[in-house]
Amino acid sequence: MILVRQAVKGLLLPLALATRGRRPGVTFLIYHRATGDLRTEIDLSPGVLARQLRHLAGRGLVVGLEDALELLRRAEPLGRGRVVLTFDDGYADFHTNVFPLLVQLALPATVYVTTGFVEGEHSPLSGRLPAGVRPLTWEMLRELHASGFVTVGAHSHAHRDYLGLAERAVEEDIDRSSELFERHLGFVPRHFAYPRARYDAVAEAVVRRRYDSAAMGGGARAVPAGFDPHRIPRVPIRRSDGMFFFRAKVRGLLGAEERLAALARAALGR
């Protein structure tokens, strides 16, 4: 499957290079796990992740979520591109494998936490959790928040698909998440990422009332013109990207890969 993914990226990259725009923007990267233990696209090896973060640090590209939002809200052309690091779900390996790198390289990042995962009530993955996959603990999250390097965001409570979910169900899910953050960390996050990167007008209306920003997927780079902080596009980083395609994604290329994947999911009814 990884070889197939890489072949698709290789076919799409020349088209992306030929048609790309020249406007600098902010590339919001999505990571999940960093252990290499699972044979899935969302689990990068720690070594690959370290090379990617060092690449970004060496070029001074990474900014925090709040700084990025401020740059984009100004609606002024950016002098150069920026990158925001985001990690979804809240896996324990963020604390053990990612956080030390962030401190070492002085890089800010945002972790969007599924509170039901932390509580042991829900899995962010389809089906049962594989052995060894553990969530962050509240103690770990307190340490991350106190460090100044990590922004803690919300990623729902049950990691349910918000697409087609009734308004009251969305509100109850967010209320439960907020209650747990307040109880264990003493604050409610201001920023949100949609579970499975899916939502509709009903869910979006609730999220806009509750949070200062909301992140999704899509694979595009955010640019100041027409920027909506409640529709932040993000670029998933996958195992099959390695360093070559990772660099392309940082440059705002390969958004077509996500559009193609969305069409494939729709065709399969997922």
C-alpha atoms as a PDB file:
ATOM      1  CA  MET A   1       0.000   0.000   0.000  1.00  0.00           C
ATOM      2  CA  ILE A   2       2.844   2.389   0.804  1.00  0.00           C
ATOM      3  CA  LEU A   3       4.405   1.752  -2.597  1.00  0.00           C
ATOM      4  CA  VAL A   4       1.043   2.480  -4.244  1.00  0.00           C
ATOM      5  CA  ARG A   5       0.754   5.726  -2.292  1.00  0.00           C
ATOM      6  CA  GLN A   6       4.241   6.765  -3.323  1.00  0.00           C
ATOM      7  CA  ALA A   7       3.491   5.985  -6.958  1.00  0.00           C
ATOM      8  CA  VAL A   8       0.378   8.194  -6.820  1.00  0.00           C
ATOM      9  CA  LYS A   9       2.366  11.028  -5.220  1.00  0.00           C
ATOM     10  CA  GLY A  10       5.019  10.672  -7.909  1.00  0.00           C
ATOM     11  CA  LEU A  11       2.393  11.031 -10.624  1.00  0.00           C
ATOM     12  CA  LEU A  12       0.744  14.037  -8.971  1.00  0.00           C
ATOM     13  CA  LEU A  13       3.895  15.978  -8.135  1.00  0.00           C
ATOM     14  CA  PRO A  14       4.783  17.168 -11.693  1.00  0.00           C
ATOM     15  CA  LEU A  15       1.243  18.481 -12.121  1.00  0.00           C
ATOM     16  CA  ALA A  16       1.453  20.247  -8.775  1.00  0.00           C
ATOM     17  CA  LEU A  17       4.749  21.868  -9.732  1.00  0.00           C
ATOM     18  CA  ALA A  18       3.308  23.052 -13.029  1.00  0.00           C
ATOM     19  CA  THR A  19       0.152  24.564 -11.561  1.00  0.00           C
ATOM     20  CA  ARG A  20       1.202  25.748  -8.093  1.00  0.00           C
ATOM     21  CA  GLY A  21       0.567  29.313  -7.022  1.00  0.00           C
ATOM     22  CA  ARG A  22       3.369  31.577  -5.898  1.00  0.00           C
ATOM     23  CA  ARG A  23       1.673  33.115  -2.857  1.00  0.00           C
ATOM     24  CA  PRO A  24       3.400  32.220   0.427  1.00  0.00           C
ATOM     25  CA  GLY A  25       1.083  30.770   3.038  1.00  0.00           C
ATOM     26  CA  VAL A  26       0.950  28.720   6.206  1.00  0.00           C
ATOM     27  CA  THR A  27       1.072  24.942   5.952  1.00  0.00           C
ATOM     28  CA  PHE A  28      -0.658  23.285   8.910  1.00  0.00           C
ATOM     29  CA  LEU A  29       0.765  19.762   9.144  1.00  0.00           C
ATOM     30  CA  ILE A  30      -1.197  16.867  10.713  1.00  0.00           C
ATOM     31  CA  TYR A  31       0.678  14.163  12.575  1.00  0.00           C
ATOM     32  CA  HIS A  32      -0.725  11.334  14.669  1.00  0.00           C
ATOM     33  CA  ARG A  33       1.625   8.687  16.070  1.00  0.00           C
ATOM     34  CA  ALA A  34       5.423   8.559  16.122  1.00  0.00           C
ATOM     35  CA  THR A  35       6.454   5.028  17.068  1.00  0.00           C
ATOM     36  CA  GLY A  36       6.674   3.088  13.815  1.00  0.00           C
ATOM     37  CA  ASP A  37       5.028   0.157  15.626  1.00  0.00           C
ATOM     38  CA  LEU A  38       1.820   0.100  13.585  1.00  0.00           C
ATOM     39  CA  ARG A  39       1.867  -0.696   9.896  1.00  0.00           C
ATOM     40  CA  THR A  40      -0.352   2.257   9.125  1.00  0.00           C
ATOM     41  CA  GLU A  41       0.144   5.509   7.279  1.00  0.00           C
ATOM     42  CA  ILE A  42      -0.457   7.603  10.406  1.00  0.00           C
ATOM     43  CA  ASP A  43       2.386   6.046  12.419  1.00  0.00           C
ATOM     44  CA  LEU A  44       5.791   7.474  11.494  1.00  0.00           C
ATOM     45  CA  SER A  45       9.029   6.145  12.879  1.00  0.00           C
ATOM     46  CA  PRO A  46      10.667   8.436  15.474  1.00  0.00           C
ATOM     47  CA  GLY A  47      13.724   8.705  13.239  1.00  0.00           C
ATOM     48  CA  VAL A  48      11.754   9.988  10.249  1.00  0.00           C
ATOM     49  CA  LEU A  49       9.848  12.448  12.407  1.00  0.00           C
ATOM     50  CA  ALA A  50      13.103  13.724  13.901  1.00  0.00           C
ATOM     51  CA  ARG A  51      14.564  14.318  10.423  1.00  0.00           C
ATOM     52  CA  GLN A  52      11.439  16.179   9.374  1.00  0.00           C
ATOM     53  CA  LEU A  53      11.415  18.411  12.451  1.00  0.00           C
ATOM     54  CA  ARG A  54      15.127  19.149  12.132  1.00  0.00           C
ATOM     55  CA  HIS A  55      14.570  20.083   8.490  1.00  0.00           C
ATOM     56  CA  LEU A  56      11.910  22.596   9.533  1.00  0.00           C
ATOM     57  CA  ALA A  57      13.899  23.916  12.487  1.00  0.00           C
ATOM     58  CA  GLY A  58      16.979  24.475  10.337  1.00  0.00           C
ATOM     59  CA  ARG A  59      14.984  26.688   7.993  1.00  0.00           C
ATOM     60  CA  GLY A  60      13.142  28.625  10.700  1.00  0.00           C
ATOM     61  CA  LEU A  61       9.759  27.723   9.254  1.00  0.00           C
ATOM     62  CA  VAL A  62       7.771  26.682  12.337  1.00  0.00           C
ATOM     63  CA  VAL A  63       5.465  29.069  14.190  1.00  0.00           C
ATOM     64  CA  GLY A  64       2.913  28.413  16.904  1.00  0.00           C
ATOM     65  CA  LEU A  65      -0.798  28.162  16.223  1.00  0.00           C
ATOM     66  CA  GLU A  66      -1.646  31.544  17.749  1.00  0.00           C
ATOM     67  CA  ASP A  67       1.121  33.309  15.805  1.00  0.00           C
ATOM     68  CA  ALA A  68       0.003  31.680  12.578  1.00  0.00           C
ATOM     69  CA  LEU A  69      -3.597  32.736  13.109  1.00  0.00           C
ATOM     70  CA  GLU A  70      -2.488  36.308  13.755  1.00  0.00           C
ATOM     71  CA  LEU A  71      -0.400  36.359  10.566  1.00  0.00           C
ATOM     72  CA  LEU A  72      -3.322  35.062   8.519  1.00  0.00           C
ATOM     73  CA  ARG A  73      -5.908  37.362  10.110  1.00  0.00           C
ATOM     74  CA  ARG A  74      -3.923  40.434   9.072  1.00  0.00           C
ATOM     75  CA  ALA A  75      -4.860  39.629   5.470  1.00  0.00           C
ATOM     76  CA  GLU A  76      -1.453  40.904   4.370  1.00  0.00           C
ATOM     77  CA  PRO A  77       0.825  39.033   1.959  1.00  0.00           C
ATOM     78  CA  LEU A  78       3.340  36.871   3.813  1.00  0.00           C
ATOM     79  CA  GLY A  79       6.980  37.448   3.069  1.00  0.00           C
ATOM     80  CA  ARG A  80       7.668  33.710   3.205  1.00  0.00           C
ATOM     81  CA  GLY A  81       5.916  30.489   4.028  1.00  0.00           C
ATOM     82  CA  ARG A  82       5.373  29.205   7.548  1.00  0.00           C
ATOM     83  CA  VAL A  83       4.563  25.803   9.049  1.00  0.00           C
ATOM     84  CA  VAL A  84       2.414  24.856  12.049  1.00  0.00           C
ATOM     85  CA  LEU A  85       2.849  21.446  13.686  1.00  0.00           C
ATOM     86  CA  THR A  86      -0.345  19.747  14.861  1.00  0.00           C
ATOM     87  CA  PHE A  87      -0.759  16.282  16.372  1.00  0.00           C
ATOM     88  CA  ASP A  88      -4.185  14.641  16.576  1.00  0.00           C
ATOM     89  CA  ASP A  89      -5.866  12.329  19.096  1.00  0.00           C
ATOM     90  CA  GLY A  90      -3.415  12.491  22.013  1.00  0.00           C
ATOM     91  CA  TYR A  91      -1.166   9.428  21.925  1.00  0.00           C
ATOM     92  CA  ALA A  92       1.271   8.836  24.781  1.00  0.00           C
ATOM     93  CA  ASP A  93       4.168   8.699  22.332  1.00  0.00           C
ATOM     94  CA  PHE A  94       3.699  12.439  21.778  1.00  0.00           C
ATOM     95  CA  HIS A  95       5.042  12.887  25.297  1.00  0.00           C
ATOM     96  CA  THR A  96       7.824  10.301  25.022  1.00  0.00           C
ATOM     97  CA  ASN A  97       8.977  10.692  21.397  1.00  0.00           C
ATOM     98  CA  VAL A  98       7.824  14.116  20.177  1.00  0.00           C
ATOM     99  CA  PHE A  99       7.941  16.458  23.158  1.00  0.00           C
ATOM    100  CA  PRO A 100      11.686  16.020  23.837  1.00  0.00           C
ATOM    101  CA  LEU A 101      12.367  16.934  20.195  1.00  0.00           C
ATOM    102  CA  LEU A 102      10.201  20.038  20.442  1.00  0.00           C
ATOM    103  CA  VAL A 103      12.139  21.172  23.509  1.00  0.00           C
ATOM    104  CA  GLN A 104      15.506  20.335  21.961  1.00  0.00           C
ATOM    105  CA  LEU A 105      14.716  22.194  18.736  1.00  0.00           C
ATOM    106  CA  ALA A 106      12.654  24.947  20.422  1.00  0.00           C
ATOM    107  CA  LEU A 107       9.646  24.234  18.212  1.00  0.00           C
ATOM    108  CA  PRO A 108       6.036  25.023  19.173  1.00  0.00           C
ATOM    109  CA  ALA A 109       3.290  22.510  18.417  1.00  0.00           C
ATOM    110  CA  THR A 110      -0.402  21.908  19.053  1.00  0.00           C
ATOM    111  CA  VAL A 111      -1.836  18.608  20.264  1.00  0.00           C
ATOM    112  CA  TYR A 112      -5.566  18.147  19.675  1.00  0.00           C
ATOM    113  CA  VAL A 113      -6.763  15.800  22.409  1.00  0.00           C
ATOM    114  CA  THR A 114      -9.663  13.349  22.343  1.00  0.00           C
ATOM    115  CA  THR A 115     -10.720  13.383  25.997  1.00  0.00           C
ATOM    116  CA  GLY A 116     -12.582  10.082  25.756  1.00  0.00           C
ATOM    117  CA  PHE A 117      -9.300   8.487  24.676  1.00  0.00           C
ATOM    118  CA  VAL A 118      -7.494   9.934  27.702  1.00  0.00           C
ATOM    119  CA  GLU A 119     -10.287   8.621  29.928  1.00  0.00           C
ATOM    120  CA  GLY A 120     -10.100   5.159  28.377  1.00  0.00           C
ATOM    121  CA  GLU A 121     -13.681   5.353  27.109  1.00  0.00           C
ATOM    122  CA  HIS A 122     -13.195   5.746  23.345  1.00  0.00           C
ATOM    123  CA  SER A 123     -10.698   4.843  20.643  1.00  0.00           C
ATOM    124  CA  PRO A 124      -9.594   7.356  18.003  1.00  0.00           C
ATOM    125  CA  LEU A 125      -8.802   4.427  15.711  1.00  0.00           C
ATOM    126  CA  SER A 126     -11.322   2.220  13.952  1.00  0.00           C
ATOM    127  CA  GLY A 127     -12.125  -0.848  16.023  1.00  0.00           C
ATOM    128  CA  ARG A 128     -10.214  -1.900  19.125  1.00  0.00           C
ATOM    129  CA  LEU A 129      -6.903  -0.324  19.993  1.00  0.00           C
ATOM    130  CA  PRO A 130      -3.862  -2.440  19.099  1.00  0.00           C
ATOM    131  CA  ALA A 131      -1.721  -3.584  22.007  1.00  0.00           C
ATOM    132  CA  GLY A 132       0.654  -0.886  23.200  1.00  0.00           C
ATOM    133  CA  VAL A 133      -1.338   2.073  21.905  1.00  0.00           C
ATOM    134  CA  ARG A 134      -1.855   4.303  24.918  1.00  0.00           C
ATOM    135  CA  PRO A 135      -3.250   7.810  25.373  1.00  0.00           C
ATOM    136  CA  LEU A 136      -1.644  10.772  27.019  1.00  0.00           C
ATOM    137  CA  THR A 137      -2.466  11.032  30.706  1.00  0.00           C
ATOM    138  CA  TRP A 138      -3.762  14.155  32.381  1.00  0.00           C
ATOM    139  CA  GLU A 139      -0.441  14.428  34.219  1.00  0.00           C
ATOM    140  CA  MET A 140       1.414  14.369  30.888  1.00  0.00           C
ATOM    141  CA  LEU A 141      -0.927  17.015  29.499  1.00  0.00           C
ATOM    142  CA  ARG A 142      -0.304  19.273  32.497  1.00  0.00           C
ATOM    143  CA  GLU A 143       3.440  18.985  31.859  1.00  0.00           C
ATOM    144  CA  LEU A 144       3.019  19.700  28.138  1.00  0.00           C
ATOM    145  CA  HIS A 145       0.859  22.746  28.787  1.00  0.00           C
ATOM    146  CA  ALA A 146       3.218  24.112  31.439  1.00  0.00           C
ATOM    147  CA  SER A 147       6.235  23.801  29.135  1.00  0.00           C
ATOM    148  CA  GLY A 148       5.197  26.689  26.917  1.00  0.00           C
ATOM    149  CA  PHE A 149       6.014  24.655  23.807  1.00  0.00           C
ATOM    150  CA  VAL A 150       2.669  22.888  23.455  1.00  0.00           C
ATOM    151  CA  THR A 151      -0.806  24.292  22.889  1.00  0.00           C
ATOM    152  CA  VAL A 152      -3.485  21.858  24.070  1.00  0.00           C
ATOM    153  CA  GLY A 153      -6.503  21.841  21.771  1.00  0.00           C
ATOM    154  CA  ALA A 154      -9.770  19.909  21.772  1.00  0.00           C
ATOM    155  CA  HIS A 155     -10.524  17.017  19.420  1.00  0.00           C
ATOM    156  CA  SER A 156     -13.976  16.044  20.727  1.00  0.00           C
ATOM    157  CA  HIS A 157     -14.732  13.544  23.485  1.00  0.00           C
ATOM    158  CA  ALA A 158     -15.807  10.399  21.652  1.00  0.00           C
ATOM    159  CA  HIS A 159     -14.047  10.999  18.308  1.00  0.00           C
ATOM    160  CA  ARG A 160     -17.396  10.613  16.568  1.00  0.00           C
ATOM    161  CA  ASP A 161     -17.941  11.699  12.999  1.00  0.00           C
ATOM    162  CA  TYR A 162     -19.639  15.110  13.276  1.00  0.00           C
ATOM    163  CA  LEU A 163     -20.992  14.828   9.745  1.00  0.00           C
ATOM    164  CA  GLY A 164     -24.738  14.226  10.081  1.00  0.00           C
ATOM    165  CA  LEU A 165     -24.673  14.321  13.878  1.00  0.00           C
ATOM    166  CA  ALA A 166     -27.606  16.089  15.548  1.00  0.00           C
ATOM    167  CA  GLU A 167     -26.917  19.509  17.051  1.00  0.00           C
ATOM    168  CA  ARG A 168     -27.650  18.337  20.593  1.00  0.00           C
ATOM    169  CA  ALA A 169     -25.303  15.366  20.194  1.00  0.00           C
ATOM    170  CA  VAL A 170     -22.488  17.676  19.036  1.00  0.00           C
ATOM    171  CA  GLU A 171     -23.120  19.984  21.993  1.00  0.00           C
ATOM    172  CA  GLU A 172     -23.112  17.109  24.466  1.00  0.00           C
ATOM    173  CA  ASP A 173     -19.870  15.737  23.059  1.00  0.00           C
ATOM    174  CA  ILE A 174     -18.162  19.135  23.303  1.00  0.00           C
ATOM    175  CA  ASP A 175     -19.614  19.784  26.762  1.00  0.00           C
ATOM    176  CA  ARG A 176     -18.173  16.508  28.049  1.00  0.00           C
ATOM    177  CA  SER A 177     -14.775  17.345  26.561  1.00  0.00           C
ATOM    178  CA  SER A 178     -14.776  20.853  28.051  1.00  0.00           C
ATOM    179  CA  GLU A 179     -15.836  19.551  31.455  1.00  0.00           C
ATOM    180  CA  LEU A 180     -12.895  17.130  31.578  1.00  0.00           C
ATOM    181  CA  PHE A 181     -10.361  19.734  30.463  1.00  0.00           C
ATOM    182  CA  GLU A 182     -11.614  22.153  33.110  1.00  0.00           C
ATOM    183  CA  ARG A 183     -11.558  19.508  35.831  1.00  0.00           C
ATOM    184  CA  HIS A 184      -8.105  18.108  35.100  1.00  0.00           C
ATOM    185  CA  LEU A 185      -6.197  21.018  33.550  1.00  0.00           C
ATOM    186  CA  GLY A 186      -8.045  24.044  34.871  1.00  0.00           C
ATOM    187  CA  PHE A 187      -8.924  25.489  31.473  1.00  0.00           C
ATOM    188  CA  VAL A 188     -11.003  24.807  28.371  1.00  0.00           C
ATOM    189  CA  PRO A 189      -9.059  24.820  25.078  1.00  0.00           C
ATOM    190  CA  ARG A 190      -9.770  27.647  22.667  1.00  0.00           C
ATOM    191  CA  HIS A 191      -8.922  25.660  19.557  1.00  0.00           C
ATOM    192  CA  PHE A 192     -10.580  22.607  18.026  1.00  0.00           C
ATOM    193  CA  ALA A 193      -9.929  19.991  15.347  1.00  0.00           C
ATOM    194  CA  TYR A 194     -12.819  18.062  13.822  1.00  0.00           C
ATOM    195  CA  PRO A 195     -12.673  14.302  14.446  1.00  0.00           C
ATOM    196  CA  ARG A 196     -12.043  12.530  11.131  1.00  0.00           C
ATOM    197  CA  ALA A 197     -11.829  16.060   9.634  1.00  0.00           C
ATOM    198  CA  ARG A 198     -15.545  15.889   8.769  1.00  0.00           C
ATOM    199  CA  TYR A 199     -18.410  18.219   9.639  1.00  0.00           C
ATOM    200  CA  ASP A 200     -21.539  19.851   8.277  1.00  0.00           C
ATOM    201  CA  ALA A 201     -23.327  23.174   8.774  1.00  0.00           C
ATOM    202  CA  VAL A 202     -24.971  22.006  12.005  1.00  0.00           C
ATOM    203  CA  ALA A 203     -21.697  20.934  13.610  1.00  0.00           C
ATOM    204  CA  GLU A 204     -19.859  23.989  12.321  1.00  0.00           C
ATOM    205  CA  ALA A 205     -22.388  26.352  13.898  1.00  0.00           C
ATOM    206  CA  VAL A 206     -21.849  24.724  17.301  1.00  0.00           C
ATOM    207  CA  VAL A 207     -18.065  24.740  16.967  1.00  0.00           C
ATOM    208  CA  ARG A 208     -18.011  28.404  15.917  1.00  0.00           C
ATOM    209  CA  ARG A 209     -19.884  29.294  19.120  1.00  0.00           C
ATOM    210  CA  ARG A 210     -17.508  27.342  21.340  1.00  0.00           C
ATOM    211  CA  TYR A 211     -13.995  27.794  19.898  1.00  0.00           C
ATOM    212  CA  ASP A 212     -11.750  30.520  18.478  1.00  0.00           C
ATOM    213  CA  SER A 213     -10.571  28.285  15.652  1.00  0.00           C
ATOM    214  CA  ALA A 214     -11.331  24.937  14.057  1.00  0.00           C
ATOM    215  CA  ALA A 215      -9.018  22.749  11.987  1.00  0.00           C
ATOM    216  CA  MET A 216     -10.009  20.235   9.342  1.00  0.00           C
ATOM    217  CA  GLY A 217      -8.118  18.506   6.521  1.00  0.00           C
ATOM    218  CA  GLY A 218      -8.122  19.000   2.769  1.00  0.00           C
ATOM    219  CA  GLY A 219      -4.408  19.184   2.025  1.00  0.00           C
ATOM    220  CA  ALA A 220      -4.326  22.886   1.093  1.00  0.00           C
ATOM    221  CA  ARG A 221      -2.068  25.653   2.343  1.00  0.00           C
ATOM    222  CA  ALA A 222      -3.740  28.508   4.242  1.00  0.00           C
ATOM    223  CA  VAL A 223      -3.296  31.975   2.721  1.00  0.00           C
ATOM    224  CA  PRO A 224      -4.306  35.377   4.138  1.00  0.00           C
ATOM    225  CA  ALA A 225      -6.823  36.187   1.400  1.00  0.00           C
ATOM    226  CA  GLY A 226     -10.227  34.924   2.517  1.00  0.00           C
ATOM    227  CA  PHE A 227      -8.811  33.094   5.530  1.00  0.00           C
ATOM    228  CA  ASP A 228     -11.425  31.669   7.931  1.00  0.00           C
ATOM    229  CA  PRO A 229     -10.011  30.579  11.330  1.00  0.00           C
ATOM    230  CA  HIS A 230     -12.883  28.114  11.691  1.00  0.00           C
ATOM    231  CA  ARG A 231     -11.949  26.352   8.467  1.00  0.00           C
ATOM    232  CA  ILE A 232      -8.219  25.841   8.810  1.00  0.00           C
ATOM    233  CA  PRO A 233      -6.971  23.533   6.052  1.00  0.00           C
ATOM    234  CA  ARG A 234      -4.358  20.990   7.091  1.00  0.00           C
ATOM    235  CA  VAL A 235      -1.947  18.658   5.347  1.00  0.00           C
ATOM    236  CA  PRO A 236      -1.629  15.078   6.649  1.00  0.00           C
ATOM    237  CA  ILE A 237       1.907  13.727   6.883  1.00  0.00           C
ATOM    238  CA  ARG A 238       2.014  10.004   6.189  1.00  0.00           C
ATOM    239  CA  ARG A 239       4.536   7.213   6.483  1.00  0.00           C
ATOM    240  CA  SER A 240       4.706   6.993   2.689  1.00  0.00           C
ATOM    241  CA  ASP A 241       5.833  10.637   2.430  1.00  0.00           C
ATOM    242  CA  GLY A 242       9.335  10.010   3.744  1.00  0.00           C
ATOM    243  CA  MET A 243      11.499  13.112   3.327  1.00  0.00           C
ATOM    244  CA  PHE A 244      11.037  13.694  -0.392  1.00  0.00           C
ATOM    245  CA  PHE A 245       7.261  14.068  -0.440  1.00  0.00           C
ATOM    246  CA  PHE A 246       7.327  15.695   2.997  1.00  0.00           C
ATOM    247  CA  ARG A 247       9.354  18.576   1.554  1.00  0.00           C
ATOM    248  CA  ALA A 248       6.849  18.877  -1.291  1.00  0.00           C
ATOM    249  CA  LYS A 249       3.956  19.092   1.149  1.00  0.00           C
ATOM    250  CA  VAL A 250       5.710  21.770   3.200  1.00  0.00           C
ATOM    251  CA  ARG A 251       5.975  23.813  -0.002  1.00  0.00           C
ATOM    252  CA  GLY A 252       2.200  23.608  -0.463  1.00  0.00           C
ATOM    253  CA  LEU A 253       2.249  20.884  -3.096  1.00  0.00           C
ATOM    254  CA  LEU A 254       0.350  17.568  -3.336  1.00  0.00           C
ATOM    255  CA  GLY A 255      -3.005  18.906  -2.164  1.00  0.00           C
ATOM    256  CA  ALA A 256      -4.451  16.860  -5.015  1.00  0.00           C
ATOM    257  CA  GLU A 257      -3.534  13.717  -3.074  1.00  0.00           C
ATOM    258  CA  GLU A 258      -6.112  14.610  -0.416  1.00  0.00           C
ATOM    259  CA  ARG A 259      -8.775  15.447  -2.979  1.00  0.00           C
ATOM    260  CA  LEU A 260      -8.168  12.117  -4.670  1.00  0.00           C
ATOM    261  CA  ALA A 261      -8.368  10.301  -1.333  1.00  0.00           C
ATOM    262  CA  ALA A 262     -11.654  12.051  -0.526  1.00  0.00           C
ATOM    263  CA  LEU A 263     -13.124  10.944  -3.856  1.00  0.00           C
ATOM    264  CA  ALA A 264     -12.012   7.372  -3.176  1.00  0.00           C
ATOM    265  CA  ARG A 265     -13.633   7.399   0.277  1.00  0.00           C
ATOM    266  CA  ALA A 266     -16.854   8.796  -1.174  1.00  0.00           C
ATOM    267  CA  ALA A 267     -16.904   6.093  -3.839  1.00  0.00           C
ATOM    268  CA  LEU A 268     -16.490   3.445  -1.149  1.00  0.00           C
ATOM    269  CA  GLY A 269     -19.175   5.038   1.021  1.00  0.00           C
ATOM    270  CA  ARG A 270     -16.794   5.911   3.883  1.00  0.00           C
END
